[in-house]
C-alpha atoms as a PDB file:
ATOM      1  CA  MET A   1     -20.416  52.600 -11.246  1.00  0.00           C
ATOM      2  CA  ALA A   2     -20.487  48.829 -11.311  1.00  0.00           C
ATOM      3  CA  ALA A   3     -23.321  48.897 -13.854  1.00  0.00           C
ATOM      4  CA  LEU A   4     -21.253  51.139 -16.080  1.00  0.00           C
ATOM      5  CA  ALA A   5     -18.275  48.746 -15.866  1.00  0.00           C
ATOM      6  CA  SER A   6     -20.440  45.770 -16.675  1.00  0.00           C
ATOM      7  CA  ASP A   7     -21.974  47.568 -19.651  1.00  0.00           C
ATOM      8  CA  PHE A   8     -18.437  48.353 -20.883  1.00  0.00           C
ATOM      9  CA  VAL A   9     -17.331  44.757 -20.554  1.00  0.00           C
ATOM     10  CA  ALA A  10     -20.480  43.540 -22.284  1.00  0.00           C
ATOM     11  CA  THR A  11     -19.835  45.966 -25.156  1.00  0.00           C
ATOM     12  CA  VAL A  12     -16.271  44.742 -25.509  1.00  0.00           C
ATOM     13  CA  VAL A  13     -17.204  41.094 -25.384  1.00  0.00           C
ATOM     14  CA  ALA A  14     -20.018  41.487 -27.881  1.00  0.00           C
ATOM     15  CA  LEU A  15     -17.663  42.752 -30.658  1.00  0.00           C
ATOM     16  CA  THR A  16     -16.803  40.377 -33.406  1.00  0.00           C
ATOM     17  CA  LEU A  17     -13.212  39.756 -34.455  1.00  0.00           C
ATOM     18  CA  ALA A  18     -13.624  42.101 -37.472  1.00  0.00           C
ATOM     19  CA  GLN A  19     -15.018  44.839 -35.233  1.00  0.00           C
ATOM     20  CA  GLN A  20     -12.183  44.391 -32.743  1.00  0.00           C
ATOM     21  CA  LEU A  21      -9.695  44.603 -35.587  1.00  0.00           C
ATOM     22  CA  GLU A  22     -11.333  47.760 -36.867  1.00  0.00           C
ATOM     23  CA  GLN A  23     -11.218  49.342 -33.419  1.00  0.00           C
ATOM     24  CA  THR A  24      -7.573  48.346 -32.816  1.00  0.00           C
ATOM     25  CA  ILE A  25      -6.424  49.722 -36.151  1.00  0.00           C
ATOM     26  CA  SER A  26      -8.475  52.894 -35.669  1.00  0.00           C
ATOM     27  CA  LEU A  27      -6.948  53.441 -32.254  1.00  0.00           C
ATOM     28  CA  GLY A  28      -3.525  52.978 -33.840  1.00  0.00           C
ATOM     29  CA  ILE A  29      -4.352  55.523 -36.509  1.00  0.00           C
ATOM     30  CA  PHE A  30      -5.437  57.921 -33.759  1.00  0.00           C
ATOM     31  CA  PHE A  31      -2.242  57.533 -31.729  1.00  0.00           C
ATOM     32  CA  VAL A  32       0.109  57.688 -34.704  1.00  0.00           C
ATOM     33  CA  GLY A  33      -1.731  60.608 -36.269  1.00  0.00           C
ATOM     34  CA  ALA A  34      -1.868  62.522 -32.970  1.00  0.00           C
ATOM     35  CA  THR A  35       1.805  61.894 -32.294  1.00  0.00           C
ATOM     36  CA  LEU A  36       2.823  63.009 -35.778  1.00  0.00           C
ATOM     37  CA  ALA A  37       0.580  66.041 -35.521  1.00  0.00           C
ATOM     38  CA  VAL A  38       2.222  67.072 -32.240  1.00  0.00           C
ATOM     39  CA  LEU A  39       5.711  66.505 -33.658  1.00  0.00           C
ATOM     40  CA  SER A  40       4.868  68.464 -36.764  1.00  0.00           C
ATOM     41  CA  ALA A  41       3.362  71.325 -34.726  1.00  0.00           C
ATOM     42  CA  LEU A  42       6.553  71.447 -32.625  1.00  0.00           C
ATOM     43  CA  ALA A  43       8.648  71.518 -35.796  1.00  0.00           C
ATOM     44  CA  TRP A  44       6.477  74.333 -37.166  1.00  0.00           C
ATOM     45  CA  ARG A  45       6.868  76.207 -33.930  1.00  0.00           C
ATOM     46  CA  ARG A  46      10.653  75.871 -34.151  1.00  0.00           C
ATOM     47  CA  GLU A  47      11.043  76.518 -37.880  1.00  0.00           C
ATOM     48  CA  ARG A  48       8.059  78.732 -38.554  1.00  0.00           C
ATOM     49  CA  ASP A  49       7.694  77.055 -41.931  1.00  0.00           C
ATOM     50  CA  GLN A  50       4.098  77.303 -43.155  1.00  0.00           C
ATOM     51  CA  ARG A  51       4.302  73.842 -44.741  1.00  0.00           C
ATOM     52  CA  MET A  52       4.839  72.197 -41.381  1.00  0.00           C
ATOM     53  CA  ALA A  53       1.655  73.806 -40.097  1.00  0.00           C
ATOM     54  CA  VAL A  54      -0.231  72.335 -43.065  1.00  0.00           C
ATOM     55  CA  VAL A  55       1.317  68.900 -42.423  1.00  0.00           C
ATOM     56  CA  ALA A  56       0.376  69.115 -38.722  1.00  0.00           C
ATOM     57  CA  VAL A  57      -3.218  69.859 -39.674  1.00  0.00           C
ATOM     58  CA  GLY A  58      -3.189  66.935 -42.131  1.00  0.00           C
ATOM     59  CA  TYR A  59      -1.957  64.537 -39.462  1.00  0.00           C
ATOM     60  CA  LEU A  60      -4.568  65.903 -37.059  1.00  0.00           C
ATOM     61  CA  MET A  61      -7.292  65.051 -39.562  1.00  0.00           C
ATOM     62  CA  PHE A  62      -6.058  61.459 -39.682  1.00  0.00           C
ATOM     63  CA  ALA A  63      -6.077  61.332 -35.872  1.00  0.00           C
ATOM     64  CA  ILE A  64      -9.662  62.647 -35.705  1.00  0.00           C
ATOM     65  CA  TYR A  65     -10.761  60.027 -38.231  1.00  0.00           C
ATOM     66  CA  GLY A  66      -9.156  57.205 -36.201  1.00  0.00           C
ATOM     67  CA  PHE A  67     -10.738  58.478 -33.015  1.00  0.00           C
ATOM     68  CA  VAL A  68     -14.251  58.698 -34.469  1.00  0.00           C
ATOM     69  CA  VAL A  69     -14.038  55.193 -35.974  1.00  0.00           C
ATOM     70  CA  PHE A  70     -12.729  53.871 -32.688  1.00  0.00           C
ATOM     71  CA  LEU A  71     -15.708  55.330 -30.829  1.00  0.00           C
ATOM     72  CA  GLU A  72     -18.243  53.969 -33.350  1.00  0.00           C
ATOM     73  CA  TYR A  73     -19.357  50.982 -31.254  1.00  0.00           C
ATOM     74  CA  TYR A  74     -19.354  52.904 -28.003  1.00  0.00           C
ATOM     75  CA  LEU A  75     -21.682  55.513 -29.494  1.00  0.00           C
ATOM     76  CA  LEU A  76     -24.287  52.939 -30.592  1.00  0.00           C
ATOM     77  CA  PRO A  77     -26.131  52.818 -27.239  1.00  0.00           C
ATOM     78  CA  TYR A  78     -26.535  56.603 -27.297  1.00  0.00           C
ATOM     79  CA  LEU A  79     -27.163  57.397 -30.972  1.00  0.00           C
ATOM     80  CA  SER A  80     -29.116  55.600 -33.695  1.00  0.00           C
ATOM     81  CA  VAL A  81     -27.318  53.224 -36.009  1.00  0.00           C
ATOM     82  CA  GLN A  82     -27.996  55.524 -38.957  1.00  0.00           C
ATOM     83  CA  THR A  83     -26.453  58.509 -37.161  1.00  0.00           C
ATOM     84  CA  VAL A  84     -23.350  56.606 -36.184  1.00  0.00           C
ATOM     85  CA  GLU A  85     -22.898  55.198 -39.656  1.00  0.00           C
ATOM     86  CA  LEU A  86     -23.363  58.620 -41.201  1.00  0.00           C
ATOM     87  CA  LEU A  87     -20.834  60.057 -38.802  1.00  0.00           C
ATOM     88  CA  GLU A  88     -18.315  57.317 -39.532  1.00  0.00           C
ATOM     89  CA  HIS A  89     -18.692  57.548 -43.290  1.00  0.00           C
ATOM     90  CA  SER A  90     -18.747  61.338 -43.445  1.00  0.00           C
ATOM     91  CA  VAL A  91     -15.609  61.659 -41.278  1.00  0.00           C
ATOM     92  CA  ALA A  92     -13.794  59.778 -44.019  1.00  0.00           C
ATOM     93  CA  ALA A  93     -13.778  63.087 -45.865  1.00  0.00           C
ATOM     94  CA  LEU A  94     -11.082  64.090 -43.391  1.00  0.00           C
ATOM     95  CA  ILE A  95      -8.812  61.552 -45.062  1.00  0.00           C
ATOM     96  CA  LEU A  96      -9.374  63.252 -48.392  1.00  0.00           C
ATOM     97  CA  VAL A  97      -8.721  66.675 -46.927  1.00  0.00           C
ATOM     98  CA  GLY A  98      -5.631  65.414 -45.126  1.00  0.00           C
ATOM     99  CA  LEU A  99      -4.213  64.004 -48.333  1.00  0.00           C
ATOM    100  CA  LEU A 100      -4.925  67.277 -50.112  1.00  0.00           C
ATOM    101  CA  ALA A 101      -3.178  69.100 -47.269  1.00  0.00           C
ATOM    102  CA  PHE A 102      -0.053  66.961 -47.845  1.00  0.00           C
ATOM    103  CA  PHE A 103      -0.178  67.697 -51.545  1.00  0.00           C
ATOM    104  CA  VAL A 104      -0.415  71.439 -50.825  1.00  0.00           C
ATOM    105  CA  ALA A 105       2.490  71.260 -48.434  1.00  0.00           C
ATOM    106  CA  LEU A 106       4.622  69.351 -50.966  1.00  0.00           C
ATOM    107  CA  SER A 107       3.768  71.549 -53.919  1.00  0.00           C
ATOM    108  CA  ARG A 108       4.488  74.885 -52.270  1.00  0.00           C
ATOM    109  CA  ASP A 109       7.857  76.502 -52.781  1.00  0.00           C
END
């Protein structure tokens, strides 16, 4: 257990300022996206408006993106750099799909 804690501290200390900024912002995106997804899902449950379900899914996609980018540096010891970079860059498609979900929700009558 102590070795795991020292590895965690070493990983945190080894991050540059830009990497720490990326992780902090990604964690913020995760928390805000997850909170808004839960609130939207609760609103959908109360109102039963299909648009709120679409909005909840859109926010959830933003939350997933933030979580994956936050985990990027913690996955490096377990996966290859190419795999982690591919995962990080491909999950950006969730942003595109989330934006399209908002457009669909706004354009429906």
